[in-house]
Amino acid sequence: MPELSLVLKNDSCVPLLAHPHPGVQSKQGLDEASEGESICLLLGHLDTALLLLDPALQEIPWGAYLIPIDAFTELQAKVMDTQQKVKLADLQIEQLTKTKKHAHLTDTEVMMLVDETRMYEGVGRMFILQPKGVIHNQLLEKQRIAEEKIKELEQKKSYLERSVKEAEDNIREMLMARRAQ
């Protein structure tokens, strides 16, 4: 019996026992695989696959569909990379939202003070005396820049989400094409 490994979503490999799977049927479509070709047996889940190390396997799990491992791996890597970029964009949007809110609250407090109040801007290790109008303009500019960056990141995030959906649809199409054959 050939050696099989279970390839999990996080790309770790778990060796399987050498005895046949309880729900095993005959070698469905295995004849289509060329000698020595790596193939991926999908068990109906996009996040779980069996990596066949020996194409001479006599039996495969019931309901498995064969697709070339390189195409599946490429699409899976694209999905994972894009999902990671979406998470990063979410974190950046959250941080910019906090920055914008902080600048807004600070500006609100500054505007309630009388014009003669001494205000200092921190520059490195020192503080510079600034008029109220300059501080107010800096805080408004900080809010505007944060808002622009948030809009850019949201557009990027929506593009990335469409890209993930497209890659997942491509994986499903590959599976459907193999089922139809």
N, C-alpha and C. Protein backbone atom coordinates (compact mmCIF):
# COMPACT_ATOMS: atom_id res chain seq x y z
N MET A 1 0.86 -1.18 0.00
CA MET A 1 0.00 0.00 0.00
C MET A 1 0.90 1.24 0.00
N PRO A 2 0.66 2.19 -0.87
CA PRO A 2 1.49 3.39 -0.93
C PRO A 2 1.29 4.27 0.30
N GLU A 3 2.24 5.15 0.50
CA GLU A 3 2.19 6.07 1.63
C GLU A 3 1.35 7.29 1.26
N LEU A 4 0.39 7.63 2.12
CA LEU A 4 -0.47 8.79 1.89
C LEU A 4 -0.25 9.80 3.01
N SER A 5 -0.35 11.05 2.66
CA SER A 5 -0.30 12.10 3.68
C SER A 5 -1.52 12.98 3.51
N LEU A 6 -2.07 13.43 4.61
CA LEU A 6 -3.19 14.36 4.58
C LEU A 6 -2.62 15.77 4.62
N VAL A 7 -2.94 16.57 3.59
CA VAL A 7 -2.46 17.94 3.53
C VAL A 7 -3.58 18.83 4.05
N LEU A 8 -3.33 19.49 5.18
CA LEU A 8 -4.35 20.31 5.83
C LEU A 8 -4.31 21.73 5.30
N LYS A 9 -5.28 22.53 5.73
CA LYS A 9 -5.42 23.92 5.26
C LYS A 9 -4.17 24.74 5.55
N ASN A 10 -3.51 24.46 6.66
CA ASN A 10 -2.32 25.23 7.02
C ASN A 10 -1.05 24.65 6.42
N ASP A 11 -1.19 23.79 5.40
CA ASP A 11 -0.08 23.18 4.66
C ASP A 11 0.75 22.21 5.48
N SER A 12 0.27 21.78 6.65
CA SER A 12 0.99 20.76 7.39
C SER A 12 0.57 19.39 6.88
N CYS A 13 1.48 18.43 6.91
CA CYS A 13 1.19 17.08 6.43
C CYS A 13 1.05 16.13 7.61
N VAL A 14 0.01 15.33 7.58
CA VAL A 14 -0.23 14.34 8.62
C VAL A 14 -0.25 12.97 7.94
N PRO A 15 0.68 12.05 8.30
CA PRO A 15 0.68 10.73 7.66
C PRO A 15 -0.59 9.96 8.01
N LEU A 16 -1.11 9.23 7.04
CA LEU A 16 -2.28 8.38 7.26
C LEU A 16 -1.82 6.95 7.44
N LEU A 17 -2.67 6.13 8.04
CA LEU A 17 -2.34 4.72 8.23
C LEU A 17 -2.27 4.01 6.89
N ALA A 18 -1.52 2.93 6.82
CA ALA A 18 -1.31 2.22 5.56
C ALA A 18 -2.51 1.35 5.17
N HIS A 19 -3.46 1.14 6.08
CA HIS A 19 -4.61 0.29 5.71
C HIS A 19 -5.65 1.11 4.95
N PRO A 20 -6.50 0.45 4.15
CA PRO A 20 -7.47 1.18 3.33
C PRO A 20 -8.47 1.96 4.17
N HIS A 21 -8.94 3.03 3.61
CA HIS A 21 -9.97 3.87 4.23
C HIS A 21 -11.27 3.08 4.29
N PRO A 22 -12.09 3.19 5.37
CA PRO A 22 -13.31 2.40 5.47
C PRO A 22 -14.30 2.62 4.34
N GLY A 23 -14.34 3.81 3.77
CA GLY A 23 -15.30 4.09 2.70
C GLY A 23 -14.68 4.01 1.32
N VAL A 24 -13.73 3.10 1.13
CA VAL A 24 -12.96 3.05 -0.11
C VAL A 24 -13.71 2.31 -1.21
N GLN A 25 -13.61 2.81 -2.41
CA GLN A 25 -14.13 2.11 -3.58
C GLN A 25 -12.97 1.87 -4.54
N SER A 26 -13.27 1.42 -5.74
CA SER A 26 -12.20 1.12 -6.70
C SER A 26 -11.53 2.39 -7.20
N LYS A 27 -10.49 2.23 -7.98
CA LYS A 27 -9.64 3.36 -8.36
C LYS A 27 -10.30 4.29 -9.38
N GLN A 28 -11.25 5.10 -8.93
CA GLN A 28 -12.01 6.02 -9.78
C GLN A 28 -11.09 7.03 -10.45
N GLY A 29 -10.97 6.94 -11.75
CA GLY A 29 -10.25 7.95 -12.50
C GLY A 29 -8.75 7.97 -12.30
N LEU A 30 -8.20 7.02 -11.56
CA LEU A 30 -6.77 7.02 -11.29
C LEU A 30 -5.98 6.70 -12.55
N ASP A 31 -6.60 5.98 -13.49
CA ASP A 31 -5.92 5.63 -14.74
C ASP A 31 -5.56 6.88 -15.53
N GLU A 32 -6.27 8.00 -15.30
CA GLU A 32 -6.01 9.24 -16.03
C GLU A 32 -4.70 9.88 -15.59
N ALA A 33 -4.22 9.55 -14.41
CA ALA A 33 -2.99 10.15 -13.91
C ALA A 33 -1.80 9.47 -14.56
N SER A 34 -0.86 10.26 -15.03
CA SER A 34 0.34 9.69 -15.63
C SER A 34 1.26 9.18 -14.53
N GLU A 35 2.16 8.29 -14.90
CA GLU A 35 3.07 7.66 -13.94
C GLU A 35 3.93 8.72 -13.24
N GLY A 36 3.98 8.70 -11.94
CA GLY A 36 4.80 9.62 -11.15
C GLY A 36 4.23 11.01 -10.99
N GLU A 37 3.06 11.29 -11.56
CA GLU A 37 2.47 12.63 -11.47
C GLU A 37 1.85 12.82 -10.09
N SER A 38 2.11 13.96 -9.49
CA SER A 38 1.48 14.28 -8.21
C SER A 38 0.05 14.71 -8.49
N ILE A 39 -0.89 14.13 -7.78
CA ILE A 39 -2.28 14.51 -7.94
C ILE A 39 -2.88 14.78 -6.57
N CYS A 40 -3.94 15.49 -6.58
CA CYS A 40 -4.59 15.91 -5.35
C CYS A 40 -5.98 15.30 -5.31
N LEU A 41 -6.31 14.57 -4.27
CA LEU A 41 -7.63 13.99 -4.12
C LEU A 41 -8.44 14.89 -3.21
N LEU A 42 -9.46 15.50 -3.76
CA LEU A 42 -10.29 16.41 -2.97
C LEU A 42 -11.47 15.64 -2.41
N LEU A 43 -11.71 15.79 -1.14
CA LEU A 43 -12.76 15.03 -0.47
C LEU A 43 -14.00 15.87 -0.24
N GLY A 44 -14.33 16.74 -1.18
CA GLY A 44 -15.53 17.55 -1.05
C GLY A 44 -15.34 18.80 -0.22
N HIS A 45 -14.17 19.02 0.32
CA HIS A 45 -13.87 20.21 1.11
C HIS A 45 -12.72 20.93 0.44
N LEU A 46 -12.81 22.25 0.34
CA LEU A 46 -11.72 23.00 -0.27
C LEU A 46 -10.51 23.10 0.64
N ASP A 47 -10.69 22.87 1.94
CA ASP A 47 -9.58 23.04 2.87
C ASP A 47 -8.90 21.72 3.24
N THR A 48 -9.35 20.60 2.74
CA THR A 48 -8.75 19.32 3.07
C THR A 48 -8.50 18.54 1.79
N ALA A 49 -7.32 17.97 1.65
CA ALA A 49 -6.99 17.21 0.45
C ALA A 49 -6.04 16.08 0.81
N LEU A 50 -6.07 15.01 0.03
CA LEU A 50 -5.11 13.93 0.18
C LEU A 50 -4.07 14.08 -0.91
N LEU A 51 -2.81 14.06 -0.54
CA LEU A 51 -1.74 14.13 -1.52
C LEU A 51 -1.31 12.71 -1.82
N LEU A 52 -1.47 12.29 -3.04
CA LEU A 52 -1.14 10.93 -3.43
C LEU A 52 0.33 10.89 -3.82
N LEU A 53 1.15 10.18 -3.03
CA LEU A 53 2.58 10.13 -3.30
C LEU A 53 2.94 9.01 -4.27
N ASP A 54 2.08 8.02 -4.41
CA ASP A 54 2.33 6.90 -5.32
C ASP A 54 1.11 6.71 -6.21
N PRO A 55 1.21 7.00 -7.53
CA PRO A 55 0.04 6.89 -8.39
C PRO A 55 -0.41 5.45 -8.63
N ALA A 56 0.29 4.47 -8.09
CA ALA A 56 -0.11 3.08 -8.27
C ALA A 56 -1.13 2.64 -7.22
N LEU A 57 -1.69 3.59 -6.48
CA LEU A 57 -2.68 3.27 -5.45
C LEU A 57 -3.86 2.53 -6.06
N GLN A 58 -4.27 1.43 -5.45
CA GLN A 58 -5.36 0.61 -5.98
C GLN A 58 -6.73 1.14 -5.62
N GLU A 59 -6.84 1.83 -4.50
CA GLU A 59 -8.15 2.31 -4.06
C GLU A 59 -8.01 3.75 -3.57
N ILE A 60 -9.06 4.54 -3.79
CA ILE A 60 -9.07 5.91 -3.28
C ILE A 60 -10.37 6.13 -2.52
N PRO A 61 -10.41 7.09 -1.61
CA PRO A 61 -11.64 7.32 -0.85
C PRO A 61 -12.82 7.64 -1.75
N TRP A 62 -13.99 7.22 -1.31
CA TRP A 62 -15.22 7.42 -2.06
C TRP A 62 -15.48 8.90 -2.27
N GLY A 63 -15.93 9.26 -3.45
CA GLY A 63 -16.30 10.64 -3.75
C GLY A 63 -15.13 11.55 -4.04
N ALA A 64 -13.94 11.01 -4.26
CA ALA A 64 -12.77 11.85 -4.52
C ALA A 64 -12.72 12.23 -5.99
N TYR A 65 -12.19 13.40 -6.28
CA TYR A 65 -12.04 13.88 -7.65
C TYR A 65 -10.58 14.25 -7.85
N LEU A 66 -10.03 13.92 -9.00
CA LEU A 66 -8.62 14.15 -9.25
C LEU A 66 -8.43 15.45 -10.04
N ILE A 67 -7.52 16.30 -9.56
CA ILE A 67 -7.11 17.48 -10.32
C ILE A 67 -5.60 17.60 -10.17
N PRO A 68 -4.92 18.25 -11.11
CA PRO A 68 -3.46 18.42 -10.98
C PRO A 68 -3.13 19.23 -9.73
N ILE A 69 -2.14 18.77 -8.97
CA ILE A 69 -1.81 19.41 -7.70
C ILE A 69 -1.29 20.83 -7.90
N ASP A 70 -0.56 21.10 -9.00
CA ASP A 70 0.01 22.43 -9.18
C ASP A 70 -1.07 23.49 -9.40
N ALA A 71 -2.12 23.16 -10.14
CA ALA A 71 -3.21 24.12 -10.36
C ALA A 71 -3.97 24.38 -9.06
N PHE A 72 -4.25 23.32 -8.32
CA PHE A 72 -4.96 23.46 -7.05
C PHE A 72 -4.11 24.26 -6.06
N THR A 73 -2.83 23.91 -5.97
CA THR A 73 -1.94 24.59 -5.03
C THR A 73 -1.81 26.07 -5.36
N GLU A 74 -1.72 26.38 -6.65
CA GLU A 74 -1.60 27.78 -7.07
C GLU A 74 -2.84 28.58 -6.67
N LEU A 75 -4.02 28.02 -6.93
CA LEU A 75 -5.26 28.72 -6.57
C LEU A 75 -5.40 28.84 -5.05
N GLN A 76 -5.06 27.76 -4.34
CA GLN A 76 -5.16 27.79 -2.88
C GLN A 76 -4.20 28.83 -2.30
N ALA A 77 -2.99 28.91 -2.84
CA ALA A 77 -2.02 29.90 -2.36
C ALA A 77 -2.52 31.31 -2.63
N LYS A 78 -3.13 31.51 -3.80
CA LYS A 78 -3.67 32.84 -4.13
C LYS A 78 -4.77 33.23 -3.16
N VAL A 79 -5.66 32.29 -2.84
CA VAL A 79 -6.75 32.56 -1.90
C VAL A 79 -6.19 32.93 -0.53
N MET A 80 -5.24 32.13 -0.04
CA MET A 80 -4.69 32.37 1.29
C MET A 80 -3.95 33.71 1.35
N ASP A 81 -3.17 34.02 0.32
CA ASP A 81 -2.43 35.28 0.27
C ASP A 81 -3.38 36.47 0.24
N THR A 82 -4.42 36.35 -0.55
CA THR A 82 -5.39 37.45 -0.67
C THR A 82 -6.16 37.63 0.64
N GLN A 83 -6.52 36.53 1.29
CA GLN A 83 -7.21 36.64 2.58
C GLN A 83 -6.33 37.32 3.62
N GLN A 84 -5.03 37.04 3.57
CA GLN A 84 -4.10 37.69 4.50
C GLN A 84 -4.04 39.20 4.22
N LYS A 85 -4.05 39.57 2.95
CA LYS A 85 -4.03 41.00 2.59
C LYS A 85 -5.32 41.69 3.04
N VAL A 86 -6.45 40.98 2.98
CA VAL A 86 -7.72 41.55 3.44
C VAL A 86 -7.66 41.81 4.94
N LYS A 87 -7.11 40.86 5.69
CA LYS A 87 -6.98 41.04 7.14
C LYS A 87 -6.08 42.23 7.46
N LEU A 88 -4.98 42.38 6.71
CA LEU A 88 -4.08 43.50 6.92
C LEU A 88 -4.78 44.83 6.64
N ALA A 89 -5.56 44.86 5.56
CA ALA A 89 -6.32 46.08 5.24
C ALA A 89 -7.31 46.40 6.34
N ASP A 90 -7.97 45.38 6.90
CA ASP A 90 -8.90 45.60 8.02
C ASP A 90 -8.18 46.23 9.21
N LEU A 91 -7.00 45.71 9.53
CA LEU A 91 -6.24 46.26 10.66
C LEU A 91 -5.84 47.71 10.40
N GLN A 92 -5.41 48.00 9.18
CA GLN A 92 -5.01 49.37 8.86
C GLN A 92 -6.21 50.31 8.91
N ILE A 93 -7.36 49.86 8.42
CA ILE A 93 -8.57 50.68 8.47
C ILE A 93 -8.95 50.96 9.92
N GLU A 94 -8.86 49.94 10.76
CA GLU A 94 -9.19 50.11 12.18
C GLU A 94 -8.26 51.13 12.84
N GLN A 95 -6.96 51.04 12.55
CA GLN A 95 -6.00 51.97 13.14
C GLN A 95 -6.24 53.39 12.65
N LEU A 96 -6.50 53.56 11.37
CA LEU A 96 -6.77 54.90 10.83
C LEU A 96 -8.06 55.48 11.38
N THR A 97 -9.05 54.63 11.61
CA THR A 97 -10.31 55.10 12.20
C THR A 97 -10.06 55.63 13.61
N LYS A 98 -9.22 54.93 14.37
CA LYS A 98 -8.88 55.39 15.72
C LYS A 98 -8.14 56.72 15.66
N THR A 99 -7.20 56.83 14.72
CA THR A 99 -6.44 58.08 14.56
C THR A 99 -7.36 59.24 14.22
N LYS A 100 -8.28 59.00 13.30
CA LYS A 100 -9.23 60.04 12.88
C LYS A 100 -10.11 60.47 14.06
N LYS A 101 -10.60 59.48 14.81
CA LYS A 101 -11.47 59.79 15.95
C LYS A 101 -10.70 60.57 17.02
N HIS A 102 -9.46 60.18 17.27
CA HIS A 102 -8.63 60.87 18.26
C HIS A 102 -8.40 62.32 17.85
N ALA A 103 -8.09 62.54 16.57
CA ALA A 103 -7.87 63.91 16.07
C ALA A 103 -9.16 64.73 16.17
N HIS A 104 -10.29 64.11 15.89
CA HIS A 104 -11.58 64.82 15.97
C HIS A 104 -11.88 65.23 17.42
N LEU A 105 -11.70 64.29 18.35
CA LEU A 105 -11.97 64.61 19.76
C LEU A 105 -11.03 65.70 20.28
N THR A 106 -9.76 65.61 19.89
CA THR A 106 -8.78 66.62 20.30
C THR A 106 -9.16 67.99 19.73
N ASP A 107 -9.56 68.01 18.46
CA ASP A 107 -9.96 69.27 17.82
C ASP A 107 -11.19 69.86 18.51
N THR A 108 -12.13 69.01 18.88
CA THR A 108 -13.33 69.48 19.58
C THR A 108 -12.95 70.16 20.89
N GLU A 109 -12.04 69.55 21.63
CA GLU A 109 -11.60 70.12 22.90
C GLU A 109 -10.82 71.42 22.68
N VAL A 110 -9.97 71.45 21.67
CA VAL A 110 -9.18 72.65 21.38
C VAL A 110 -10.09 73.82 21.02
N MET A 111 -11.13 73.55 20.25
CA MET A 111 -12.02 74.63 19.80
C MET A 111 -12.85 75.21 20.95
N MET A 112 -13.01 74.47 22.04
CA MET A 112 -13.77 74.98 23.19
C MET A 112 -12.92 75.93 24.05
N LEU A 113 -11.61 75.92 23.85
CA LEU A 113 -10.72 76.79 24.63
C LEU A 113 -10.75 78.21 24.07
N VAL A 114 -10.44 79.17 24.94
CA VAL A 114 -10.39 80.56 24.49
C VAL A 114 -9.16 80.76 23.60
N ASP A 115 -9.22 81.77 22.74
CA ASP A 115 -8.15 82.00 21.77
C ASP A 115 -6.81 82.34 22.41
N GLU A 116 -6.81 82.90 23.61
CA GLU A 116 -5.57 83.30 24.27
C GLU A 116 -4.87 82.14 24.97
N THR A 117 -5.46 80.96 24.96
CA THR A 117 -4.86 79.81 25.64
C THR A 117 -3.56 79.44 24.94
N ARG A 118 -2.51 79.21 25.75
CA ARG A 118 -1.22 78.82 25.19
C ARG A 118 -1.29 77.34 24.80
N MET A 119 -0.94 77.05 23.56
CA MET A 119 -0.97 75.68 23.05
C MET A 119 0.40 75.34 22.49
N TYR A 120 0.81 74.11 22.77
CA TYR A 120 2.13 73.67 22.35
C TYR A 120 2.00 72.42 21.48
N GLU A 121 2.85 72.39 20.47
CA GLU A 121 2.90 71.23 19.58
C GLU A 121 4.17 70.45 19.91
N GLY A 122 4.04 69.14 20.08
CA GLY A 122 5.21 68.32 20.36
C GLY A 122 6.00 68.06 19.09
N VAL A 123 7.30 68.38 19.14
CA VAL A 123 8.20 68.14 18.02
C VAL A 123 9.44 67.45 18.58
N GLY A 124 9.54 66.16 18.33
CA GLY A 124 10.67 65.42 18.90
C GLY A 124 10.60 65.43 20.41
N ARG A 125 11.68 65.96 21.05
CA ARG A 125 11.72 66.03 22.51
C ARG A 125 11.34 67.41 23.04
N MET A 126 10.89 68.28 22.18
CA MET A 126 10.56 69.62 22.64
C MET A 126 9.13 69.99 22.25
N PHE A 127 8.67 71.10 22.78
CA PHE A 127 7.33 71.61 22.48
C PHE A 127 7.47 73.02 21.94
N ILE A 128 6.70 73.29 20.89
CA ILE A 128 6.74 74.61 20.25
C ILE A 128 5.40 75.29 20.48
N LEU A 129 5.47 76.55 20.91
CA LEU A 129 4.26 77.34 21.12
C LEU A 129 3.62 77.63 19.76
N GLN A 130 2.33 77.28 19.62
CA GLN A 130 1.61 77.48 18.36
C GLN A 130 0.28 78.18 18.64
N PRO A 131 -0.18 79.01 17.71
CA PRO A 131 -1.51 79.62 17.87
C PRO A 131 -2.60 78.56 17.72
N LYS A 132 -3.76 78.86 18.26
CA LYS A 132 -4.90 77.92 18.23
C LYS A 132 -5.28 77.55 16.80
N GLY A 133 -5.25 78.50 15.87
CA GLY A 133 -5.61 78.25 14.47
C GLY A 133 -4.71 77.22 13.81
N VAL A 134 -3.41 77.28 14.11
CA VAL A 134 -2.45 76.33 13.52
C VAL A 134 -2.73 74.91 14.03
N ILE A 135 -2.96 74.79 15.32
CA ILE A 135 -3.27 73.48 15.91
C ILE A 135 -4.56 72.93 15.30
N HIS A 136 -5.57 73.79 15.20
CA HIS A 136 -6.86 73.39 14.62
C HIS A 136 -6.67 72.90 13.18
N ASN A 137 -5.91 73.64 12.37
CA ASN A 137 -5.67 73.24 10.97
C ASN A 137 -4.91 71.92 10.87
N GLN A 138 -3.94 71.71 11.77
CA GLN A 138 -3.18 70.45 11.76
C GLN A 138 -4.09 69.26 12.09
N LEU A 139 -4.98 69.45 13.05
CA LEU A 139 -5.89 68.37 13.42
C LEU A 139 -6.89 68.07 12.30
N LEU A 140 -7.37 69.12 11.63
CA LEU A 140 -8.27 68.91 10.49
C LEU A 140 -7.56 68.18 9.35
N GLU A 141 -6.31 68.55 9.12
CA GLU A 141 -5.51 67.90 8.07
C GLU A 141 -5.28 66.42 8.40
N LYS A 142 -5.01 66.15 9.66
CA LYS A 142 -4.80 64.77 10.10
C LYS A 142 -6.07 63.94 9.87
N GLN A 143 -7.23 64.52 10.16
CA GLN A 143 -8.51 63.83 9.92
C GLN A 143 -8.74 63.59 8.44
N ARG A 144 -8.43 64.59 7.62
CA ARG A 144 -8.64 64.48 6.17
C ARG A 144 -7.75 63.39 5.57
N ILE A 145 -6.49 63.36 5.97
CA ILE A 145 -5.55 62.36 5.46
C ILE A 145 -6.00 60.95 5.87
N ALA A 146 -6.42 60.80 7.13
CA ALA A 146 -6.89 59.50 7.60
C ALA A 146 -8.12 59.05 6.80
N GLU A 147 -9.03 59.97 6.53
CA GLU A 147 -10.24 59.63 5.76
C GLU A 147 -9.89 59.19 4.34
N GLU A 148 -8.94 59.88 3.70
CA GLU A 148 -8.52 59.50 2.35
C GLU A 148 -7.90 58.11 2.33
N LYS A 149 -7.04 57.84 3.31
CA LYS A 149 -6.39 56.52 3.38
C LYS A 149 -7.41 55.42 3.64
N ILE A 150 -8.41 55.70 4.48
CA ILE A 150 -9.46 54.72 4.75
C ILE A 150 -10.22 54.39 3.47
N LYS A 151 -10.55 55.42 2.68
CA LYS A 151 -11.26 55.18 1.41
C LYS A 151 -10.42 54.33 0.46
N GLU A 152 -9.11 54.64 0.37
CA GLU A 152 -8.22 53.85 -0.48
C GLU A 152 -8.19 52.39 -0.03
N LEU A 153 -8.05 52.18 1.27
CA LEU A 153 -7.97 50.82 1.80
C LEU A 153 -9.28 50.06 1.61
N GLU A 154 -10.41 50.74 1.73
CA GLU A 154 -11.69 50.07 1.51
C GLU A 154 -11.85 49.65 0.05
N GLN A 155 -11.38 50.49 -0.88
CA GLN A 155 -11.41 50.11 -2.29
C GLN A 155 -10.51 48.91 -2.55
N LYS A 156 -9.31 48.94 -1.96
CA LYS A 156 -8.37 47.83 -2.11
C LYS A 156 -8.96 46.56 -1.51
N LYS A 157 -9.61 46.69 -0.35
CA LYS A 157 -10.21 45.54 0.32
C LYS A 157 -11.32 44.93 -0.53
N SER A 158 -12.17 45.76 -1.13
CA SER A 158 -13.25 45.23 -1.96
C SER A 158 -12.69 44.52 -3.19
N TYR A 159 -11.61 45.05 -3.76
CA TYR A 159 -10.95 44.39 -4.89
C TYR A 159 -10.40 43.03 -4.46
N LEU A 160 -9.74 42.99 -3.30
CA LEU A 160 -9.17 41.74 -2.81
C LEU A 160 -10.25 40.71 -2.51
N GLU A 161 -11.38 41.15 -1.95
CA GLU A 161 -12.47 40.22 -1.67
C GLU A 161 -13.05 39.65 -2.96
N ARG A 162 -13.15 40.48 -4.00
CA ARG A 162 -13.60 39.97 -5.31
C ARG A 162 -12.60 38.96 -5.86
N SER A 163 -11.32 39.22 -5.64
CA SER A 163 -10.27 38.32 -6.11
C SER A 163 -10.35 36.96 -5.40
N VAL A 164 -10.61 36.98 -4.09
CA VAL A 164 -10.78 35.73 -3.33
C VAL A 164 -11.97 34.95 -3.86
N LYS A 165 -13.08 35.63 -4.06
CA LYS A 165 -14.28 34.97 -4.56
C LYS A 165 -14.04 34.36 -5.93
N GLU A 166 -13.33 35.09 -6.78
CA GLU A 166 -13.02 34.60 -8.13
C GLU A 166 -12.15 33.34 -8.07
N ALA A 167 -11.14 33.34 -7.20
CA ALA A 167 -10.26 32.17 -7.07
C ALA A 167 -11.03 30.98 -6.52
N GLU A 168 -11.91 31.21 -5.54
CA GLU A 168 -12.72 30.11 -5.01
C GLU A 168 -13.66 29.56 -6.07
N ASP A 169 -14.23 30.45 -6.90
CA ASP A 169 -15.09 30.00 -8.00
C ASP A 169 -14.30 29.17 -9.01
N ASN A 170 -13.04 29.56 -9.27
CA ASN A 170 -12.20 28.79 -10.18
C ASN A 170 -11.94 27.39 -9.64
N ILE A 171 -11.73 27.28 -8.33
CA ILE A 171 -11.54 25.96 -7.72
C ILE A 171 -12.80 25.12 -7.88
N ARG A 172 -13.95 25.72 -7.62
CA ARG A 172 -15.21 24.99 -7.78
C ARG A 172 -15.42 24.55 -9.23
N GLU A 173 -15.07 25.43 -10.18
CA GLU A 173 -15.20 25.08 -11.60
C GLU A 173 -14.31 23.90 -11.96
N MET A 174 -13.09 23.88 -11.40
CA MET A 174 -12.19 22.75 -11.64
C MET A 174 -12.82 21.46 -11.15
N LEU A 175 -13.43 21.53 -9.96
CA LEU A 175 -14.07 20.33 -9.40
C LEU A 175 -15.25 19.90 -10.25
N MET A 176 -16.07 20.85 -10.67
CA MET A 176 -17.24 20.52 -11.48
C MET A 176 -16.83 19.94 -12.83
N ALA A 177 -15.76 20.47 -13.41
CA ALA A 177 -15.28 19.95 -14.69
C ALA A 177 -14.81 18.50 -14.54
N ARG A 178 -14.17 18.20 -13.42
CA ARG A 178 -13.69 16.83 -13.20
C ARG A 178 -14.87 15.89 -12.92
N ARG A 179 -15.89 16.38 -12.23
CA ARG A 179 -17.07 15.55 -11.97
C ARG A 179 -17.78 15.21 -13.27
N ALA A 180 -17.84 16.19 -14.18
CA ALA A 180 -18.55 16.00 -15.44
C ALA A 180 -17.84 15.00 -16.35
N GLN A 181 -16.54 14.83 -16.17
CA GLN A 181 -15.78 13.92 -17.05
C GLN A 181 -16.00 12.49 -16.72
